[in-house]
Amino acid sequence: MQKIIKLHLSKAYSNVPEEKIMLFSSITFLFTFLPLTMVLYYICPQNGKNAVLLTASLIFYAWGEPVYVVLMILVILFNYICGKDIYLKLRNKKAAKRSLISAVAINLLILGFFKYYGFFVDLCDAFLPIRIPKRELSLPIGISFYVFQAVSYLIDVYRGEVKAQKHLLHFALYISMFPQLIAGPIVRYIDIEVQLNKRTVSLAKFGSGVRFFIIGLGKKVILANGIGAIFDSIYSGFAAGGKLSVLTAWLGAAAYTLQIYFDFSGYSDMAMGLGRMFGFQFPKNFDYPYTAKSITDFWRRWHISLSTWFREYVYIPLGGNRVNTGRHIFNLMAVWSLTGFWHGAAWNFLFWGFYYGVLLIMEKYIWGERLKQLPLAIQHLYTLFIIVIGWVFFFSSSLKEALAYLGMLFGLGAAGLSDSAVLFLLCSNWLLLFAALAACVPLPFRILMQVKNAFFQKYCANIIYLLLFLISIASLVSGTFNPFLYFRF
């Protein structure tokens, strides 16, 4: 496995053996867990399908988190009871609001304890004359995602947008459903309320799910892992104290930009595909974000479910954009500070959120209209430049390290403009990089969809998917453990 991914995941999973985490891109999942689950699901009567899927989801989670599955069950029970309590109190809005605030606060305390405990202890140690004893805690996998889903459910019940779920089994499935449990998308209860009670499964939907899954698997195993090796070879030398040339530093940042997209969008595609195989329709989480013409446009296309969550449950309740300029700026900065902090308990993540908050404000009030008047190519280059710079704060282990890497991008402390390393990496990986760049835009897929030849659509397209699957499996067999980058959040 790539050293850099292990470095990034080491703190988050200090007490969880990495090889025990079940991945969609693993032989165990693809040829044992998923086939058995599918067989049991389809032979089971309609009224038992949710029970099969819930059992499979708990086993899937317990595979890597045998202790923290208890925490998840407690979160499920707590929010199920709170949802019913809030719903029964809706005639008395004040009482319902008190129940909502208490329930949301407890959910956030649970998330905060496991995710931010160490950060705040270190912060206190820096300012207090005494040292607070600290015990390293492993981060429960997917806790940021399933806690946010629980909170969205409670708020929607309070708003009267959904009724409280009467069936504990259905609610438990909503929180723990394994296709999107570990890294999203963050599915709002309102979007799948009907599907939890009744959904249709057809051959067409199943086939669509299989195609989505294979595309996601290819993105992860072929593109993300391959490009991740390029990033690893560059970043590991930098992290060890070495100097990079300017072009090598840019190649490393660009490689991570591609890696994180294919890694995370690959997971999301697999999640959507698995959902369709079981009759669920999950929301789209990515829409070719690197084709964006502005940072505002980028955040309409990247991690759509998280942006939607913060818009619906933080930004709009704060007043959204229906306030004066000063308050609107405050709202944007509050949302993006929280977005950065959601991604990780470290100053570089906070700065990353602050960075995007400032840029969005600038686009809104200063150069947004002027940007629209520029040639399309300039708009794209501007957006990509900002995105690549932003990912430096994301992949660095500290703010200090991020600033040092940024300096090398612009020649400060760099080992010259170019070196043999960047030429070697480009020459030996040009085909992989070309394929990755092509996959970032919708044109190849559109061309494929425009082919009207019935023979091609029926046979050749299926052959392409089969070859993609076989190449992915071959890569898995010859590779090593490769966790998804967003598991750490």
Protein backbone atom coordinates (compact mmCIF):
# COMPACT_ATOMS: atom_id res chain seq x y z
CA MET A 1 0.00 0.00 0.00
CA GLN A 2 1.08 3.53 -0.71
CA LYS A 3 3.02 4.98 2.23
CA ILE A 4 1.35 8.35 2.01
CA ILE A 5 -2.17 6.98 2.48
CA LYS A 6 -1.01 5.06 5.52
CA LEU A 7 0.59 8.23 6.86
CA HIS A 8 -2.67 10.14 6.47
CA LEU A 9 -4.75 7.36 7.99
CA SER A 10 -2.47 6.48 10.88
CA LYS A 11 -3.93 8.97 13.34
CA ALA A 12 -7.53 8.34 12.40
CA TYR A 13 -7.24 4.58 12.76
CA SER A 14 -4.45 4.19 15.29
CA ASN A 15 -6.28 1.34 17.03
CA VAL A 16 -7.94 -0.27 14.01
CA PRO A 17 -5.85 -2.72 11.94
CA GLU A 18 -6.10 -1.34 8.40
CA GLU A 19 -6.29 -4.74 6.75
CA LYS A 20 -9.49 -5.54 8.69
CA ILE A 21 -11.47 -2.66 7.18
CA MET A 22 -13.75 -4.08 4.50
CA LEU A 23 -13.43 -2.14 1.27
CA PHE A 24 -15.64 -2.13 -1.81
CA SER A 25 -12.40 -2.54 -3.74
CA SER A 26 -11.36 -5.77 -2.02
CA ILE A 27 -11.51 -9.40 -3.07
CA THR A 28 -13.36 -10.31 0.14
CA PHE A 29 -16.13 -7.82 -0.55
CA LEU A 30 -16.42 -8.47 -4.29
CA PHE A 31 -16.41 -12.26 -4.24
CA THR A 32 -17.74 -13.17 -0.79
CA PHE A 33 -19.65 -10.49 1.10
CA LEU A 34 -21.52 -8.87 -1.79
CA PRO A 35 -22.60 -12.08 -3.60
CA LEU A 36 -23.86 -13.66 -0.36
CA THR A 37 -25.75 -10.49 0.57
CA MET A 38 -27.28 -10.22 -2.91
CA VAL A 39 -28.44 -13.86 -2.90
CA LEU A 40 -30.03 -13.58 0.55
CA TYR A 41 -31.60 -10.22 -0.34
CA TYR A 42 -33.23 -11.43 -3.55
CA ILE A 43 -34.52 -14.77 -2.26
CA CYS A 44 -35.96 -13.12 0.84
CA PRO A 45 -39.65 -12.07 0.81
CA GLN A 46 -40.34 -8.35 0.34
CA ASN A 47 -41.10 -7.74 4.02
CA GLY A 48 -37.76 -9.25 5.05
CA LYS A 49 -35.42 -7.43 2.66
CA ASN A 50 -34.73 -4.55 5.04
CA ALA A 51 -33.79 -7.01 7.78
CA VAL A 52 -31.32 -8.75 5.47
CA LEU A 53 -29.78 -5.44 4.40
CA LEU A 54 -29.56 -4.19 8.00
CA THR A 55 -27.87 -7.39 9.15
CA ALA A 56 -25.41 -7.20 6.28
CA SER A 57 -24.70 -3.54 7.08
CA LEU A 58 -23.92 -4.26 10.74
CA ILE A 59 -21.64 -7.15 9.77
CA PHE A 60 -19.93 -4.93 7.21
CA TYR A 61 -19.28 -2.26 9.83
CA ALA A 62 -18.28 -4.71 12.56
CA TRP A 63 -15.71 -6.24 10.18
CA GLY A 64 -13.43 -3.29 10.84
CA GLU A 65 -15.06 -1.77 13.93
CA PRO A 66 -16.20 -4.63 16.24
CA VAL A 67 -16.32 -2.26 19.23
CA TYR A 68 -17.71 0.83 17.56
CA VAL A 69 -20.65 -1.04 16.06
CA VAL A 70 -22.08 -0.75 19.59
CA LEU A 71 -21.67 3.02 19.38
CA MET A 72 -23.54 3.06 16.08
CA ILE A 73 -26.39 1.00 17.54
CA LEU A 74 -26.63 3.42 20.49
CA VAL A 75 -26.72 6.38 18.09
CA ILE A 76 -29.50 4.65 16.14
CA LEU A 77 -31.59 3.97 19.27
CA PHE A 78 -31.03 7.47 20.65
CA ASN A 79 -32.06 9.25 17.45
CA TYR A 80 -35.00 6.92 16.84
CA ILE A 81 -36.40 7.82 20.29
CA CYS A 82 -35.59 11.52 19.86
CA GLY A 83 -37.26 11.63 16.46
CA LYS A 84 -40.50 10.22 17.89
CA ASP A 85 -40.28 12.57 20.87
CA ILE A 86 -39.87 15.65 18.65
CA TYR A 87 -42.71 14.54 16.40
CA LEU A 88 -45.10 14.08 19.34
CA LYS A 89 -44.26 17.58 20.62
CA LEU A 90 -44.76 19.42 17.32
CA ARG A 91 -47.99 21.03 18.54
CA ASN A 92 -45.90 22.74 21.21
CA LYS A 93 -43.11 24.29 19.14
CA LYS A 94 -41.09 25.44 22.14
CA ALA A 95 -41.05 21.97 23.68
CA ALA A 96 -40.19 20.40 20.30
CA LYS A 97 -37.39 22.91 19.80
CA ARG A 98 -35.92 22.14 23.22
CA SER A 99 -35.94 18.44 22.40
CA LEU A 100 -34.35 19.09 19.02
CA ILE A 101 -31.56 21.28 20.45
CA SER A 102 -30.79 18.70 23.13
CA ALA A 103 -30.72 15.81 20.66
CA VAL A 104 -28.57 17.66 18.12
CA ALA A 105 -26.18 18.79 20.88
CA ILE A 106 -25.71 15.20 22.10
CA ASN A 107 -25.08 13.98 18.54
CA LEU A 108 -22.47 16.67 18.00
CA LEU A 109 -20.88 15.92 21.38
CA ILE A 110 -20.51 12.28 20.38
CA LEU A 111 -18.93 13.30 17.09
CA GLY A 112 -16.79 15.94 18.78
CA PHE A 113 -15.50 13.60 21.48
CA PHE A 114 -14.19 11.00 19.07
CA LYS A 115 -13.07 13.36 16.32
CA TYR A 116 -11.85 16.49 18.14
CA TYR A 117 -10.93 15.31 21.64
CA GLY A 118 -7.19 15.17 20.91
CA PHE A 119 -7.21 18.51 19.08
CA PHE A 120 -8.80 20.39 21.97
CA VAL A 121 -6.60 18.71 24.58
CA ASP A 122 -3.52 19.76 22.61
CA LEU A 123 -4.95 23.27 22.33
CA CYS A 124 -5.48 23.46 26.09
CA ASP A 125 -1.97 22.14 26.72
CA ALA A 126 -0.59 24.97 24.60
CA PHE A 127 -2.24 27.67 26.76
CA LEU A 128 -2.56 26.14 30.22
CA PRO A 129 0.32 25.70 32.71
CA ILE A 130 -0.71 22.10 33.38
CA ARG A 131 -0.68 19.16 31.00
CA ILE A 132 -3.97 17.29 30.53
CA PRO A 133 -3.62 13.49 30.32
CA LYS A 134 -4.66 12.25 26.88
CA ARG A 135 -5.43 8.83 25.51
CA GLU A 136 -5.30 8.27 21.78
CA LEU A 137 -8.73 7.30 20.41
CA SER A 138 -9.31 5.69 17.04
CA LEU A 139 -11.91 7.51 14.96
CA PRO A 140 -15.01 5.36 14.40
CA ILE A 141 -15.23 4.78 10.66
CA GLY A 142 -17.90 6.88 8.97
CA ILE A 143 -19.01 8.65 12.16
CA SER A 144 -19.02 12.06 10.47
CA PHE A 145 -21.41 10.74 7.84
CA TYR A 146 -23.89 8.79 9.94
CA VAL A 147 -24.10 11.46 12.67
CA PHE A 148 -24.85 14.10 10.03
CA GLN A 149 -27.57 11.86 8.60
CA ALA A 150 -29.10 11.46 12.06
CA VAL A 151 -29.05 15.23 12.65
CA SER A 152 -30.67 15.94 9.27
CA TYR A 153 -33.45 13.47 10.14
CA LEU A 154 -34.18 15.16 13.47
CA ILE A 155 -34.26 18.64 11.92
CA ASP A 156 -36.54 17.50 9.08
CA VAL A 157 -38.93 15.95 11.61
CA TYR A 158 -38.96 19.21 13.58
CA ARG A 159 -39.63 21.21 10.41
CA GLY A 160 -42.56 18.96 9.60
CA GLU A 161 -41.00 17.90 6.30
CA VAL A 162 -41.11 14.20 7.27
CA LYS A 163 -42.92 12.10 9.83
CA ALA A 164 -40.97 10.30 12.50
CA GLN A 165 -40.12 6.78 11.39
CA LYS A 166 -42.28 4.30 13.31
CA HIS A 167 -40.26 1.21 12.48
CA LEU A 168 -36.94 0.94 14.29
CA LEU A 169 -35.63 -1.51 11.68
CA HIS A 170 -36.25 0.97 8.85
CA PHE A 171 -34.60 3.80 10.74
CA ALA A 172 -31.61 1.61 11.65
CA LEU A 173 -31.20 0.74 7.98
CA TYR A 174 -31.25 4.44 7.04
CA ILE A 175 -28.37 5.19 9.42
CA SER A 176 -26.27 2.08 8.83
CA MET A 177 -26.84 1.12 5.18
CA PHE A 178 -23.45 -0.24 4.09
CA PRO A 179 -23.40 1.05 0.47
CA GLN A 180 -22.96 4.65 1.67
CA LEU A 181 -22.10 4.21 5.35
CA ILE A 182 -18.34 4.74 5.30
CA ALA A 183 -17.84 7.82 3.10
CA GLY A 184 -21.22 9.02 1.91
CA PRO A 185 -22.94 10.43 0.07
CA ILE A 186 -24.72 11.98 3.04
CA VAL A 187 -28.25 10.83 2.30
CA ARG A 188 -31.05 12.96 3.73
CA TYR A 189 -33.93 10.97 5.21
CA ILE A 190 -36.42 12.97 3.14
CA ASP A 191 -34.79 11.63 -0.04
CA ILE A 192 -35.24 7.93 0.77
CA GLU A 193 -38.18 7.93 3.23
CA VAL A 194 -40.49 6.26 0.70
CA GLN A 195 -37.79 3.88 -0.51
CA LEU A 196 -37.21 2.54 3.01
CA ASN A 197 -40.81 1.39 3.14
CA LYS A 198 -41.29 0.33 -0.46
CA ARG A 199 -38.97 0.19 -3.47
CA THR A 200 -38.91 -1.60 -6.77
CA VAL A 201 -36.09 -3.75 -8.03
CA SER A 202 -35.85 -4.37 -11.74
CA LEU A 203 -33.33 -5.94 -14.08
CA ALA A 204 -32.76 -2.53 -15.70
CA LYS A 205 -32.07 -0.85 -12.36
CA PHE A 206 -29.81 -3.70 -11.29
CA GLY A 207 -27.86 -3.48 -14.55
CA SER A 208 -27.52 0.27 -14.16
CA GLY A 209 -26.19 -0.30 -10.64
CA VAL A 210 -23.61 -2.81 -11.87
CA ARG A 211 -22.37 -0.34 -14.49
CA PHE A 212 -22.07 2.47 -11.91
CA PHE A 213 -20.20 0.13 -9.58
CA ILE A 214 -17.73 -0.98 -12.26
CA ILE A 215 -17.02 2.62 -13.28
CA GLY A 216 -16.38 3.52 -9.64
CA LEU A 217 -14.18 0.47 -9.14
CA GLY A 218 -12.11 1.42 -12.18
CA LYS A 219 -11.76 5.01 -10.96
CA LYS A 220 -10.48 3.81 -7.61
CA VAL A 221 -8.30 0.85 -8.50
CA ILE A 222 -6.85 1.90 -11.85
CA LEU A 223 -6.76 5.70 -11.74
CA ALA A 224 -6.71 6.76 -8.07
CA ASN A 225 -4.29 4.08 -6.91
CA GLY A 226 -2.02 4.51 -9.94
CA ILE A 227 -1.85 8.28 -9.66
CA GLY A 228 -1.54 7.96 -5.89
CA ALA A 229 1.77 6.15 -6.46
CA ILE A 230 3.06 9.23 -8.31
CA PHE A 231 1.99 11.49 -5.47
CA ASP A 232 3.49 9.11 -2.92
CA SER A 233 6.87 9.07 -4.61
CA ILE A 234 6.97 12.88 -4.56
CA TYR A 235 5.43 13.62 -1.18
CA SER A 236 7.30 10.96 0.77
CA GLY A 237 10.59 12.58 -0.18
CA PHE A 238 9.31 16.01 0.81
CA ALA A 239 7.89 14.72 4.13
CA ALA A 240 11.30 13.19 4.90
CA GLY A 241 12.87 16.64 4.65
CA GLY A 242 13.97 16.63 1.01
CA LYS A 243 13.69 19.53 -1.41
CA LEU A 244 11.60 19.35 -4.58
CA SER A 245 12.06 21.18 -7.83
CA VAL A 246 9.27 23.58 -8.79
CA LEU A 247 7.93 21.30 -11.53
CA THR A 248 8.13 18.22 -9.29
CA ALA A 249 6.15 20.03 -6.58
CA TRP A 250 3.49 21.02 -9.14
CA LEU A 251 3.31 17.46 -10.45
CA GLY A 252 2.81 16.19 -6.88
CA ALA A 253 0.01 18.68 -6.22
CA ALA A 254 -1.62 17.89 -9.57
CA ALA A 255 -1.33 14.15 -8.91
CA TYR A 256 -3.11 14.51 -5.57
CA THR A 257 -5.76 16.67 -7.25
CA LEU A 258 -6.52 13.78 -9.60
CA GLN A 259 -6.12 11.08 -6.97
CA ILE A 260 -8.59 12.49 -4.48
CA TYR A 261 -11.18 13.07 -7.20
CA PHE A 262 -11.04 9.55 -8.59
CA ASP A 263 -10.75 8.04 -5.12
CA PHE A 264 -13.78 9.83 -3.67
CA SER A 265 -15.95 9.97 -6.79
CA GLY A 266 -15.10 6.31 -7.37
CA TYR A 267 -16.43 5.45 -3.92
CA SER A 268 -19.55 7.55 -4.57
CA ASP A 269 -20.17 5.81 -7.90
CA MET A 270 -19.82 2.42 -6.22
CA ALA A 271 -22.20 3.53 -3.46
CA MET A 272 -24.78 4.68 -6.02
CA GLY A 273 -24.33 1.44 -7.94
CA LEU A 274 -24.79 -0.74 -4.86
CA GLY A 275 -27.83 1.31 -3.87
CA ARG A 276 -29.46 0.66 -7.24
CA MET A 277 -28.73 -3.06 -6.99
CA PHE A 278 -30.81 -3.05 -3.79
CA GLY A 279 -33.51 -0.78 -5.24
CA PHE A 280 -32.38 2.55 -3.73
CA GLN A 281 -31.76 5.78 -5.61
CA PHE A 282 -29.00 7.78 -3.87
CA PRO A 283 -28.29 11.39 -4.84
CA LYS A 284 -25.39 12.23 -7.14
CA ASN A 285 -22.29 13.37 -5.24
CA PHE A 286 -20.04 14.59 -8.09
CA ASP A 287 -20.69 16.36 -11.37
CA TYR A 288 -17.34 16.71 -13.15
CA PRO A 289 -16.04 19.29 -10.65
CA TYR A 290 -12.78 19.98 -12.49
CA THR A 291 -14.75 21.42 -15.42
CA ALA A 292 -16.00 24.23 -13.16
CA LYS A 293 -15.70 27.84 -14.32
CA SER A 294 -15.45 29.34 -10.83
CA ILE A 295 -15.01 28.27 -7.23
CA THR A 296 -18.74 28.82 -6.69
CA ASP A 297 -19.39 26.44 -9.58
CA PHE A 298 -16.82 23.95 -8.22
CA TRP A 299 -18.66 23.64 -4.91
CA ARG A 300 -21.90 22.95 -6.76
CA ARG A 301 -20.16 19.96 -8.32
CA TRP A 302 -17.84 18.56 -5.58
CA HIS A 303 -19.17 16.50 -2.65
CA ILE A 304 -22.67 17.74 -3.46
CA SER A 305 -24.28 15.96 -0.51
CA LEU A 306 -22.02 17.72 2.03
CA SER A 307 -22.57 21.13 0.42
CA THR A 308 -26.32 20.46 0.45
CA TRP A 309 -26.21 19.47 4.12
CA PHE A 310 -24.42 22.63 5.19
CA ARG A 311 -26.70 24.77 3.02
CA GLU A 312 -29.91 23.25 4.39
CA TYR A 313 -28.95 22.93 8.05
CA VAL A 314 -26.42 25.73 8.69
CA TYR A 315 -26.36 28.37 5.95
CA ILE A 316 -30.12 28.86 5.46
CA PRO A 317 -30.94 28.82 9.22
CA LEU A 318 -28.29 31.54 9.68
CA GLY A 319 -30.16 33.65 7.16
CA GLY A 320 -28.53 32.52 3.94
CA ASN A 321 -28.11 35.36 1.46
CA ARG A 322 -31.34 37.12 2.48
CA VAL A 323 -29.45 39.36 4.87
CA ASN A 324 -27.26 42.43 4.67
CA THR A 325 -23.74 42.19 3.25
CA GLY A 326 -21.96 42.00 6.60
CA ARG A 327 -24.18 39.22 7.88
CA HIS A 328 -23.92 37.34 4.58
CA ILE A 329 -20.12 37.41 4.79
CA PHE A 330 -20.35 36.12 8.36
CA ASN A 331 -22.69 33.32 7.25
CA LEU A 332 -20.32 32.21 4.50
CA MET A 333 -17.29 32.26 6.77
CA ALA A 334 -19.14 30.35 9.51
CA VAL A 335 -20.22 27.64 7.06
CA TRP A 336 -16.78 27.25 5.50
CA SER A 337 -14.96 27.25 8.82
CA LEU A 338 -17.25 24.41 9.91
CA THR A 339 -16.75 22.64 6.56
CA GLY A 340 -12.99 22.74 7.04
CA PHE A 341 -13.24 21.56 10.64
CA TRP A 342 -15.60 18.74 9.61
CA HIS A 343 -12.84 17.36 7.41
CA GLY A 344 -10.31 17.13 10.20
CA ALA A 345 -9.21 18.34 13.63
CA ALA A 346 -6.13 20.22 12.46
CA TRP A 347 -5.19 23.81 11.65
CA ASN A 348 -4.54 23.05 7.99
CA PHE A 349 -8.16 21.90 7.57
CA LEU A 350 -9.45 25.01 9.33
CA PHE A 351 -7.30 27.14 7.06
CA TRP A 352 -8.55 25.17 4.04
CA GLY A 353 -12.15 26.04 4.98
CA PHE A 354 -11.18 29.68 5.62
CA TYR A 355 -9.39 29.78 2.24
CA TYR A 356 -12.51 28.73 0.35
CA GLY A 357 -14.77 30.97 2.42
CA VAL A 358 -12.69 34.03 1.50
CA LEU A 359 -12.57 33.07 -2.18
CA LEU A 360 -16.34 32.58 -2.37
CA ILE A 361 -16.87 35.99 -0.77
CA MET A 362 -14.46 37.53 -3.27
CA GLU A 363 -16.32 35.94 -6.17
CA LYS A 364 -19.64 37.11 -4.79
CA TYR A 365 -18.71 40.72 -4.10
CA ILE A 366 -15.55 41.64 -6.01
CA TRP A 367 -14.49 39.74 -9.14
CA GLY A 368 -17.32 37.27 -9.82
CA GLU A 369 -19.02 39.30 -12.58
CA ARG A 370 -15.68 40.20 -14.18
CA LEU A 371 -14.68 36.54 -14.17
CA LYS A 372 -17.78 35.65 -16.23
CA GLN A 373 -16.66 38.09 -18.94
CA LEU A 374 -13.27 36.42 -19.41
CA PRO A 375 -12.67 33.69 -22.02
CA LEU A 376 -13.83 30.26 -20.90
CA ALA A 377 -10.27 28.89 -20.90
CA ILE A 378 -9.15 31.61 -18.48
CA GLN A 379 -12.11 30.85 -16.17
CA HIS A 380 -11.15 27.16 -16.10
CA LEU A 381 -7.45 27.87 -15.50
CA TYR A 382 -8.26 30.28 -12.68
CA THR A 383 -10.49 27.69 -11.02
CA LEU A 384 -8.04 24.81 -11.40
CA PHE A 385 -5.16 26.90 -10.06
CA ILE A 386 -7.12 27.70 -6.88
CA ILE A 387 -8.25 24.10 -6.48
CA VAL A 388 -4.72 22.69 -6.76
CA ILE A 389 -3.43 25.22 -4.22
CA GLY A 390 -6.29 24.29 -1.89
CA TRP A 391 -5.45 20.58 -1.99
CA VAL A 392 -1.96 21.35 -0.66
CA PHE A 393 -3.55 22.31 2.69
CA PHE A 394 -5.60 19.13 2.48
CA PHE A 395 -2.84 16.59 1.93
CA SER A 396 -0.27 18.20 4.26
CA SER A 397 0.07 16.82 7.78
CA SER A 398 0.24 20.34 9.28
CA LEU A 399 -0.21 23.98 8.35
CA LYS A 400 3.54 24.52 8.58
CA GLU A 401 4.18 21.70 6.15
CA ALA A 402 1.52 23.05 3.77
CA LEU A 403 3.16 26.47 3.70
CA ALA A 404 6.55 24.88 3.06
CA TYR A 405 5.15 22.89 0.12
CA LEU A 406 3.41 25.99 -1.25
CA GLY A 407 6.73 27.81 -1.10
CA MET A 408 8.33 25.16 -3.31
CA LEU A 409 5.50 25.55 -5.85
CA PHE A 410 6.66 29.12 -6.35
CA GLY A 411 10.40 28.56 -6.02
CA LEU A 412 10.93 29.31 -2.32
CA GLY A 413 13.24 26.63 -0.93
CA ALA A 414 12.90 24.57 -4.11
CA ALA A 415 15.72 22.56 -5.69
CA GLY A 416 15.67 24.48 -8.96
CA LEU A 417 13.02 24.69 -11.66
CA SER A 418 13.17 21.07 -12.83
CA ASP A 419 15.02 17.82 -12.24
CA SER A 420 15.30 14.29 -13.57
CA ALA A 421 12.59 13.02 -11.18
CA VAL A 422 9.78 14.98 -12.80
CA LEU A 423 10.89 13.95 -16.31
CA PHE A 424 11.04 10.29 -15.27
CA LEU A 425 7.58 10.39 -13.65
CA LEU A 426 6.01 12.13 -16.65
CA CYS A 427 7.60 9.82 -19.20
CA SER A 428 6.74 6.63 -17.31
CA ASN A 429 3.17 7.65 -16.44
CA TRP A 430 2.04 9.76 -19.41
CA LEU A 431 -0.63 7.30 -20.51
CA LEU A 432 -2.12 7.04 -17.01
CA LEU A 433 -2.13 10.82 -16.63
CA PHE A 434 -3.73 11.26 -20.06
CA ALA A 435 -6.47 8.74 -19.20
CA ALA A 436 -7.09 10.51 -15.88
CA LEU A 437 -7.36 13.93 -17.52
CA ALA A 438 -9.75 12.54 -20.14
CA ALA A 439 -11.92 10.97 -17.41
CA CYS A 440 -12.25 14.36 -15.66
CA VAL A 441 -14.45 15.70 -18.44
CA PRO A 442 -17.80 14.37 -19.69
CA LEU A 443 -16.84 14.28 -23.41
CA PRO A 444 -15.72 10.59 -23.61
CA PHE A 445 -18.89 9.43 -21.87
CA ARG A 446 -21.06 11.64 -24.07
CA ILE A 447 -19.45 10.24 -27.20
CA LEU A 448 -20.13 6.73 -25.95
CA MET A 449 -23.77 7.60 -25.25
CA GLN A 450 -24.20 9.19 -28.69
CA VAL A 451 -23.37 5.97 -30.48
CA LYS A 452 -26.67 4.87 -31.97
CA ASN A 453 -25.51 1.54 -33.28
CA ALA A 454 -27.67 -1.08 -31.56
CA PHE A 455 -25.01 -3.80 -31.87
CA PHE A 456 -22.43 -1.58 -30.17
CA GLN A 457 -24.81 -0.60 -27.38
CA LYS A 458 -25.82 -4.18 -26.71
CA TYR A 459 -22.52 -5.99 -26.99
CA CYS A 460 -19.48 -3.72 -27.26
CA ALA A 461 -20.48 -1.50 -24.33
CA ASN A 462 -20.89 -4.57 -22.12
CA ILE A 463 -17.51 -5.86 -23.28
CA ILE A 464 -15.94 -2.53 -22.27
CA TYR A 465 -17.48 -2.80 -18.78
CA LEU A 466 -16.32 -6.43 -18.50
CA LEU A 467 -12.76 -5.51 -19.49
CA LEU A 468 -12.76 -2.61 -17.02
CA PHE A 469 -13.88 -5.00 -14.26
CA LEU A 470 -11.26 -7.62 -15.16
CA ILE A 471 -8.45 -5.04 -15.28
CA SER A 472 -9.57 -3.72 -11.89
CA ILE A 473 -9.58 -7.23 -10.39
CA ALA A 474 -6.12 -7.91 -11.83
CA SER A 475 -4.88 -4.70 -10.23
CA LEU A 476 -6.40 -5.71 -6.89
CA VAL A 477 -4.85 -9.17 -6.95
CA SER A 478 -1.40 -7.78 -7.70
CA GLY A 479 -1.76 -4.79 -5.35
CA THR A 480 -2.03 -4.29 -1.62
CA PHE A 481 -4.44 -2.71 0.88
CA ASN A 482 -5.78 0.57 -0.55
CA PRO A 483 -8.22 2.43 1.71
CA PHE A 484 -10.31 5.29 0.41
CA LEU A 485 -8.93 8.72 1.34
CA TYR A 486 -12.27 9.92 2.72
CA PHE A 487 -12.35 7.09 5.29
CA ARG A 488 -10.32 9.41 7.54
CA PHE A 489 -13.24 11.86 7.80
